[in-house]
Amino acid sequence: MTSSKSGTTPETSRASTASKTAKAPETSRASTASKTAKAPKTSRAEKAPRTPGAAKTPKVAKEIKAAKVPKAESHLALVRRARRINRELAEVYPYAHPELDFRNPFELLVATVLSAQTTDLRVNQTTPALFAAYPTPEDMAAAVPEEMEELIRPTGFFRAKTKSLLGLSAALRDDFGGEVPGRLEDLVKLPGVGRKTANVVLGNAFGVPGITVDTHFGRLVRRWKWTDEEDPVKVEAVIADIFPKSEWTMLSHRVIFHGRRICHSRKPACGACPIAPLCPSYGEGETDPEKAAKLLKYEMGGYPGQRLSPPADFPGKPAPALGAA
């Protein structure tokens, strides 16, 4: 008897039910196989289609988010986070070094004093003639001020710097036998020498660990939320409590390298930064990879470095001499 509503017979209904029942295991197996095949998750980068042959697109870069730092971050958490950033920087800059040309502690001391309010490049371009004229503390202490001023004029503030160089050279001659002392307490007594200069000399001429808190170092440790201190001496004390002494000198080089090359003051190259996922300040600068790449400086951007005589393992180009095209 035919149903007027459905138009199907009982046999048809039973056949349909049997058909569904017979096919159910296959569907289940197919569904399970399908789920099994889809198990491996694709990364965000794989999900974002890119033009064939193209580098990372801005879409991928924008997926990077600033690292979240709790307002009440424990000291242990801060130490772990800071040390991880240091390890990452060590991989990026295995060749990090002082960017002043020098052959002995005296030359490094003089070059560091000259580097105030100018670039290391300008100092490196100026010191060859200066050291040719005054190779020792005794020679420099006996210099005619006006003649020295002309030699160091390119570094700026040349009158004040001449006064400091004459004073520290005379002190080295009279109080230290013409030798640069290897102790912090002695170095800071020299005219024109503060803790920053003393730590540069100790760390790079004597192998005594020191933290160099210059403008780059201070800016970056505050961006990374390692400290909110502004005073260089207080910043030094905070960072010294986070890292072991053995890391102090190289940490200074790495942070300063990163500040000069990528994490600039006014416009950081966030989109080209290798530690962007670890940075709580990511996004303060340019996040588009292509635009950020154009902001890179020195060897990172394919340009000469600051040293006329860089270390053998430096991957960049030597800086040009003063007046060179």
Protein backbone atom coordinates (compact mmCIF):
# COMPACT_ATOMS: atom_id res chain seq x y z
CA MET A 1 0.00 0.00 0.00
CA THR A 2 1.40 3.36 -1.07
CA SER A 3 1.68 6.24 1.37
CA SER A 4 0.03 9.34 0.06
CA LYS A 5 2.30 11.65 2.05
CA SER A 6 5.74 10.29 1.37
CA GLY A 7 5.24 8.35 -1.84
CA THR A 8 7.39 5.47 -0.46
CA THR A 9 6.50 1.88 0.37
CA PRO A 10 7.53 0.06 3.52
CA GLU A 11 9.99 -1.95 1.38
CA THR A 12 11.53 1.26 0.07
CA SER A 13 11.79 2.64 3.62
CA ARG A 14 13.42 -0.55 4.87
CA ALA A 15 15.83 -0.60 1.91
CA SER A 16 16.78 2.99 2.54
CA THR A 17 17.39 2.27 6.23
CA ALA A 18 19.44 -0.79 5.40
CA SER A 19 21.44 1.18 2.86
CA LYS A 20 22.24 3.84 5.46
CA THR A 21 23.12 1.18 8.01
CA ALA A 22 25.40 -0.60 5.55
CA LYS A 23 27.21 2.57 4.60
CA ALA A 24 27.63 3.89 8.14
CA PRO A 25 30.86 2.02 8.97
CA GLU A 26 32.50 3.20 5.74
CA THR A 27 31.47 6.80 6.45
CA SER A 28 32.78 6.51 9.98
CA ARG A 29 36.10 5.09 8.77
CA ALA A 30 36.37 7.76 6.09
CA SER A 31 35.57 10.45 8.63
CA THR A 32 38.17 9.04 11.04
CA ALA A 33 40.74 8.81 8.26
CA SER A 34 39.96 12.37 7.22
CA LYS A 35 40.41 13.61 10.80
CA THR A 36 43.63 11.64 11.11
CA ALA A 37 44.96 13.16 7.89
CA LYS A 38 44.13 16.66 9.10
CA ALA A 39 45.75 16.19 12.51
CA PRO A 40 49.05 18.01 11.84
CA LYS A 41 48.33 21.71 12.31
CA THR A 42 49.56 24.21 9.80
CA SER A 43 51.48 27.24 11.00
CA ARG A 44 50.21 30.78 10.62
CA ALA A 45 52.77 31.39 7.95
CA GLU A 46 51.47 28.40 5.96
CA LYS A 47 47.90 29.60 6.27
CA ALA A 48 48.77 33.03 4.94
CA PRO A 49 49.16 32.69 1.15
CA ARG A 50 52.18 34.44 -0.32
CA THR A 51 53.12 35.43 -3.82
CA PRO A 52 55.46 32.75 -5.26
CA GLY A 53 59.08 33.74 -4.79
CA ALA A 54 58.23 36.54 -2.37
CA ALA A 55 59.80 37.03 1.04
CA LYS A 56 57.78 37.27 4.23
CA THR A 57 54.77 39.44 3.70
CA PRO A 58 53.60 42.22 5.99
CA LYS A 59 50.68 39.97 6.99
CA VAL A 60 53.05 37.47 8.58
CA ALA A 61 55.01 40.24 10.31
CA LYS A 62 51.86 41.80 11.74
CA GLU A 63 51.07 38.54 13.50
CA ILE A 64 54.00 39.24 15.84
CA LYS A 65 52.74 40.77 19.05
CA ALA A 66 54.59 42.63 21.75
CA ALA A 67 55.73 40.31 24.52
CA LYS A 68 53.47 40.71 27.52
CA VAL A 69 55.28 41.66 30.71
CA PRO A 70 53.18 41.49 33.89
CA LYS A 71 53.09 44.70 35.87
CA ALA A 72 54.09 42.72 38.94
CA GLU A 73 56.77 40.65 37.19
CA SER A 74 58.84 38.71 39.71
CA HIS A 75 62.58 39.19 39.82
CA LEU A 76 63.10 35.58 38.73
CA ALA A 77 60.83 36.04 35.70
CA LEU A 78 62.65 39.25 34.79
CA VAL A 79 66.03 37.52 35.03
CA ARG A 80 64.90 34.66 32.81
CA ARG A 81 63.42 36.99 30.21
CA ALA A 82 66.48 39.25 30.14
CA ARG A 83 68.91 36.36 29.85
CA ARG A 84 66.91 34.88 26.99
CA ILE A 85 67.17 38.15 25.09
CA ASN A 86 70.92 38.18 25.74
CA ARG A 87 71.25 34.64 24.34
CA GLU A 88 69.33 35.64 21.22
CA LEU A 89 71.53 38.71 20.74
CA ALA A 90 74.63 36.53 21.11
CA GLU A 91 73.46 34.52 18.10
CA VAL A 92 72.73 37.64 16.06
CA TYR A 93 75.98 39.43 16.94
CA PRO A 94 78.65 36.76 17.64
CA TYR A 95 81.21 39.31 16.44
CA ALA A 96 80.11 42.17 18.74
CA HIS A 97 83.12 44.27 19.81
CA PRO A 98 84.13 47.77 20.91
CA GLU A 99 83.70 50.05 17.91
CA LEU A 100 86.66 52.29 18.66
CA ASP A 101 90.01 51.64 16.99
CA PHE A 102 92.80 51.16 19.52
CA ARG A 103 96.08 49.29 19.94
CA ASN A 104 96.67 49.70 23.68
CA PRO A 105 94.87 50.87 26.86
CA PHE A 106 96.04 54.47 26.43
CA GLU A 107 94.59 54.75 22.92
CA LEU A 108 91.29 53.22 24.07
CA LEU A 109 91.10 55.64 27.00
CA VAL A 110 91.72 58.67 24.78
CA ALA A 111 89.31 57.45 22.08
CA THR A 112 86.56 56.85 24.63
CA VAL A 113 86.94 60.37 26.06
CA LEU A 114 86.74 61.76 22.52
CA SER A 115 83.59 59.73 21.75
CA ALA A 116 81.39 61.91 23.97
CA GLN A 117 78.73 63.74 21.93
CA THR A 118 79.93 62.29 18.62
CA THR A 119 80.07 58.99 16.72
CA ASP A 120 82.69 56.30 17.07
CA LEU A 121 83.22 56.64 13.32
CA ARG A 122 84.24 60.27 13.63
CA VAL A 123 86.59 59.41 16.50
CA ASN A 124 88.17 56.58 14.50
CA GLN A 125 88.72 58.94 11.58
CA THR A 126 90.38 61.49 13.91
CA THR A 127 92.64 59.42 16.17
CA PRO A 128 95.22 58.21 13.61
CA ALA A 129 96.68 61.72 13.28
CA LEU A 130 96.31 62.34 17.01
CA PHE A 131 98.21 59.19 18.02
CA ALA A 132 100.84 59.80 15.37
CA ALA A 133 101.54 63.16 17.02
CA TYR A 134 101.18 61.99 20.64
CA PRO A 135 101.76 58.23 20.95
CA THR A 136 102.30 58.18 24.75
CA PRO A 137 100.87 59.93 27.82
CA GLU A 138 104.14 61.81 28.20
CA ASP A 139 103.92 63.11 24.64
CA MET A 140 100.28 64.14 25.00
CA ALA A 141 100.85 65.84 28.36
CA ALA A 142 103.45 68.08 26.70
CA ALA A 143 101.24 68.99 23.72
CA VAL A 144 100.49 72.57 22.75
CA PRO A 145 96.73 72.97 23.45
CA GLU A 146 95.98 74.87 20.24
CA GLU A 147 97.69 72.22 18.14
CA MET A 148 95.75 69.41 19.80
CA GLU A 149 92.50 71.30 19.39
CA GLU A 150 92.99 71.41 15.64
CA LEU A 151 93.63 67.67 15.50
CA ILE A 152 90.50 66.71 17.43
CA ARG A 153 88.24 69.48 16.12
CA PRO A 154 86.14 67.02 14.01
CA THR A 155 84.90 65.31 17.19
CA GLY A 156 83.25 68.48 18.54
CA PHE A 157 83.66 70.15 21.92
CA PHE A 158 87.36 70.12 21.09
CA ARG A 159 88.41 72.71 23.69
CA ALA A 160 86.86 70.84 26.61
CA LYS A 161 88.16 67.53 25.28
CA THR A 162 91.66 68.96 24.86
CA LYS A 163 91.61 70.07 28.49
CA SER A 164 90.57 66.57 29.59
CA LEU A 165 93.20 64.83 27.46
CA LEU A 166 95.98 67.08 28.70
CA GLY A 167 94.84 66.56 32.30
CA LEU A 168 94.50 62.77 32.14
CA SER A 169 97.81 62.41 30.29
CA ALA A 170 99.60 64.47 32.94
CA ALA A 171 97.97 62.37 35.67
CA LEU A 172 99.07 59.15 33.98
CA ARG A 173 102.60 60.50 33.68
CA ASP A 174 102.82 61.83 37.22
CA ASP A 175 100.73 59.39 39.24
CA PHE A 176 100.80 56.08 37.37
CA GLY A 177 104.22 55.94 35.73
CA GLY A 178 102.83 56.62 32.28
CA GLU A 179 100.55 53.56 32.42
CA VAL A 180 96.76 53.37 32.37
CA PRO A 181 95.57 51.90 35.69
CA GLY A 182 93.46 48.76 35.65
CA ARG A 183 91.19 49.65 38.57
CA LEU A 184 87.87 51.47 38.45
CA GLU A 185 88.64 53.62 41.47
CA ASP A 186 91.83 54.89 39.84
CA LEU A 187 90.36 55.48 36.40
CA VAL A 188 87.45 57.62 37.59
CA LYS A 189 89.91 60.01 39.25
CA LEU A 190 91.36 60.97 35.86
CA PRO A 191 90.06 64.19 34.25
CA GLY A 192 87.17 63.53 31.86
CA VAL A 193 86.80 59.88 32.92
CA GLY A 194 83.52 58.63 34.42
CA ARG A 195 82.16 55.16 35.12
CA LYS A 196 81.11 54.58 31.51
CA THR A 197 84.58 55.35 30.14
CA ALA A 198 86.23 53.40 32.95
CA ASN A 199 84.11 50.31 32.25
CA VAL A 200 84.90 50.50 28.53
CA VAL A 201 88.63 50.53 29.27
CA LEU A 202 88.46 47.85 31.95
CA GLY A 203 86.35 45.47 29.89
CA ASN A 204 88.17 45.83 26.59
CA ALA A 205 91.78 46.62 27.52
CA PHE A 206 92.14 44.67 30.77
CA GLY A 207 89.51 41.94 30.58
CA VAL A 208 87.83 43.18 33.76
CA PRO A 209 84.02 42.78 33.46
CA GLY A 210 82.11 46.04 33.20
CA ILE A 211 78.72 47.31 32.04
CA THR A 212 78.81 50.25 29.64
CA VAL A 213 75.66 52.31 30.07
CA ASP A 214 75.64 54.67 27.09
CA THR A 215 72.56 56.18 25.45
CA HIS A 216 71.86 53.05 23.39
CA PHE A 217 72.19 50.69 26.34
CA GLY A 218 69.96 52.79 28.58
CA ARG A 219 67.29 53.16 25.89
CA LEU A 220 67.08 49.44 25.11
CA VAL A 221 67.00 48.12 28.67
CA ARG A 222 64.10 50.46 29.34
CA ARG A 223 62.30 49.35 26.17
CA TRP A 224 62.73 45.75 27.25
CA LYS A 225 61.38 46.62 30.73
CA TRP A 226 64.52 45.43 32.48
CA THR A 227 64.42 48.67 34.46
CA ASP A 228 62.75 52.06 34.42
CA GLU A 229 65.76 53.85 35.92
CA GLU A 230 67.15 56.83 34.01
CA ASP A 231 70.36 57.45 35.96
CA PRO A 232 73.25 55.50 34.33
CA VAL A 233 74.75 54.46 37.68
CA LYS A 234 71.40 53.07 38.86
CA VAL A 235 70.87 51.32 35.50
CA GLU A 236 74.31 49.72 35.84
CA ALA A 237 73.46 48.46 39.34
CA VAL A 238 70.14 46.94 38.21
CA ILE A 239 71.64 45.15 35.20
CA ALA A 240 74.61 43.91 37.25
CA ASP A 241 72.08 42.17 39.50
CA ILE A 242 70.45 40.39 36.53
CA PHE A 243 73.52 39.00 34.76
CA PRO A 244 76.63 37.20 36.00
CA LYS A 245 79.87 39.19 35.88
CA SER A 246 81.23 37.03 33.08
CA GLU A 247 78.51 38.42 30.77
CA TRP A 248 78.81 42.12 31.56
CA THR A 249 81.27 43.21 28.86
CA MET A 250 79.80 41.19 26.00
CA LEU A 251 76.24 42.04 27.04
CA SER A 252 77.18 45.72 26.71
CA HIS A 253 78.56 45.18 23.21
CA ARG A 254 75.50 43.20 22.06
CA VAL A 255 72.95 45.67 23.38
CA ILE A 256 74.85 48.66 21.94
CA PHE A 257 75.24 46.88 18.59
CA HIS A 258 71.50 46.20 18.49
CA GLY A 259 70.68 49.79 19.39
CA ARG A 260 72.89 51.18 16.63
CA ARG A 261 71.80 48.78 13.93
CA ILE A 262 68.15 47.90 14.48
CA CYS A 263 66.52 49.33 17.63
CA HIS A 264 67.01 53.00 16.80
CA SER A 265 65.89 55.84 19.01
CA ARG A 266 63.31 57.53 16.80
CA LYS A 267 62.25 54.75 14.44
CA PRO A 268 63.16 51.20 15.46
CA ALA A 269 63.15 48.61 12.66
CA CYS A 270 60.67 46.34 14.45
CA GLY A 271 59.75 44.41 11.30
CA ALA A 272 63.39 43.38 10.77
CA CYS A 273 64.19 42.71 14.43
CA PRO A 274 65.31 39.13 15.25
CA ILE A 275 64.12 39.43 18.86
CA ALA A 276 60.75 41.02 18.06
CA PRO A 277 58.72 38.17 19.67
CA LEU A 278 60.58 38.80 22.95
CA CYS A 279 60.20 42.59 22.94
CA PRO A 280 57.45 44.20 25.06
CA SER A 281 57.83 47.39 23.00
CA TYR A 282 57.35 45.76 19.59
CA GLY A 283 55.31 48.06 17.37
CA GLU A 284 56.87 51.34 18.47
CA GLY A 285 58.71 51.37 15.17
CA GLU A 286 58.16 50.21 11.58
CA THR A 287 56.64 46.70 11.49
CA ASP A 288 56.47 46.22 7.72
CA PRO A 289 59.46 43.96 6.87
CA GLU A 290 60.36 45.70 3.61
CA LYS A 291 60.17 49.18 5.09
CA ALA A 292 61.98 48.07 8.25
CA ALA A 293 64.81 46.54 6.19
CA LYS A 294 65.52 49.98 4.74
CA LEU A 295 66.14 51.31 8.27
CA LEU A 296 68.95 48.86 9.07
CA LYS A 297 72.39 50.40 9.57
CA TYR A 298 76.02 49.37 9.22
CA GLU A 299 76.64 45.74 8.26
CA MET A 300 72.95 44.88 8.78
CA GLY A 301 72.06 47.27 5.98
CA GLY A 302 75.08 46.43 3.84
CA TYR A 303 77.00 49.60 4.75
CA PRO A 304 80.48 50.16 6.25
CA GLY A 305 80.90 49.87 10.00
CA GLN A 306 82.40 52.44 12.32
CA ARG A 307 85.93 51.04 12.60
CA LEU A 308 88.67 51.68 10.08
CA SER A 309 90.38 48.55 11.42
CA PRO A 310 87.62 46.14 12.46
CA PRO A 311 88.28 42.66 13.93
CA ALA A 312 88.98 39.84 11.51
CA ASP A 313 85.58 38.21 12.10
CA PHE A 314 83.57 41.38 11.42
CA PRO A 315 81.18 40.58 8.55
CA GLY A 316 80.81 44.17 7.36
CA LYS A 317 82.97 46.68 5.49
CA PRO A 318 85.68 48.84 7.12
CA ALA A 319 84.82 52.49 7.56
CA PRO A 320 86.47 55.03 5.21
CA ALA A 321 89.28 57.28 6.41
CA LEU A 322 88.56 60.95 7.09
CA GLY A 323 88.08 62.82 3.82
CA ALA A 324 87.77 59.63 1.74
CA ALA A 325 85.15 59.59 -0.98
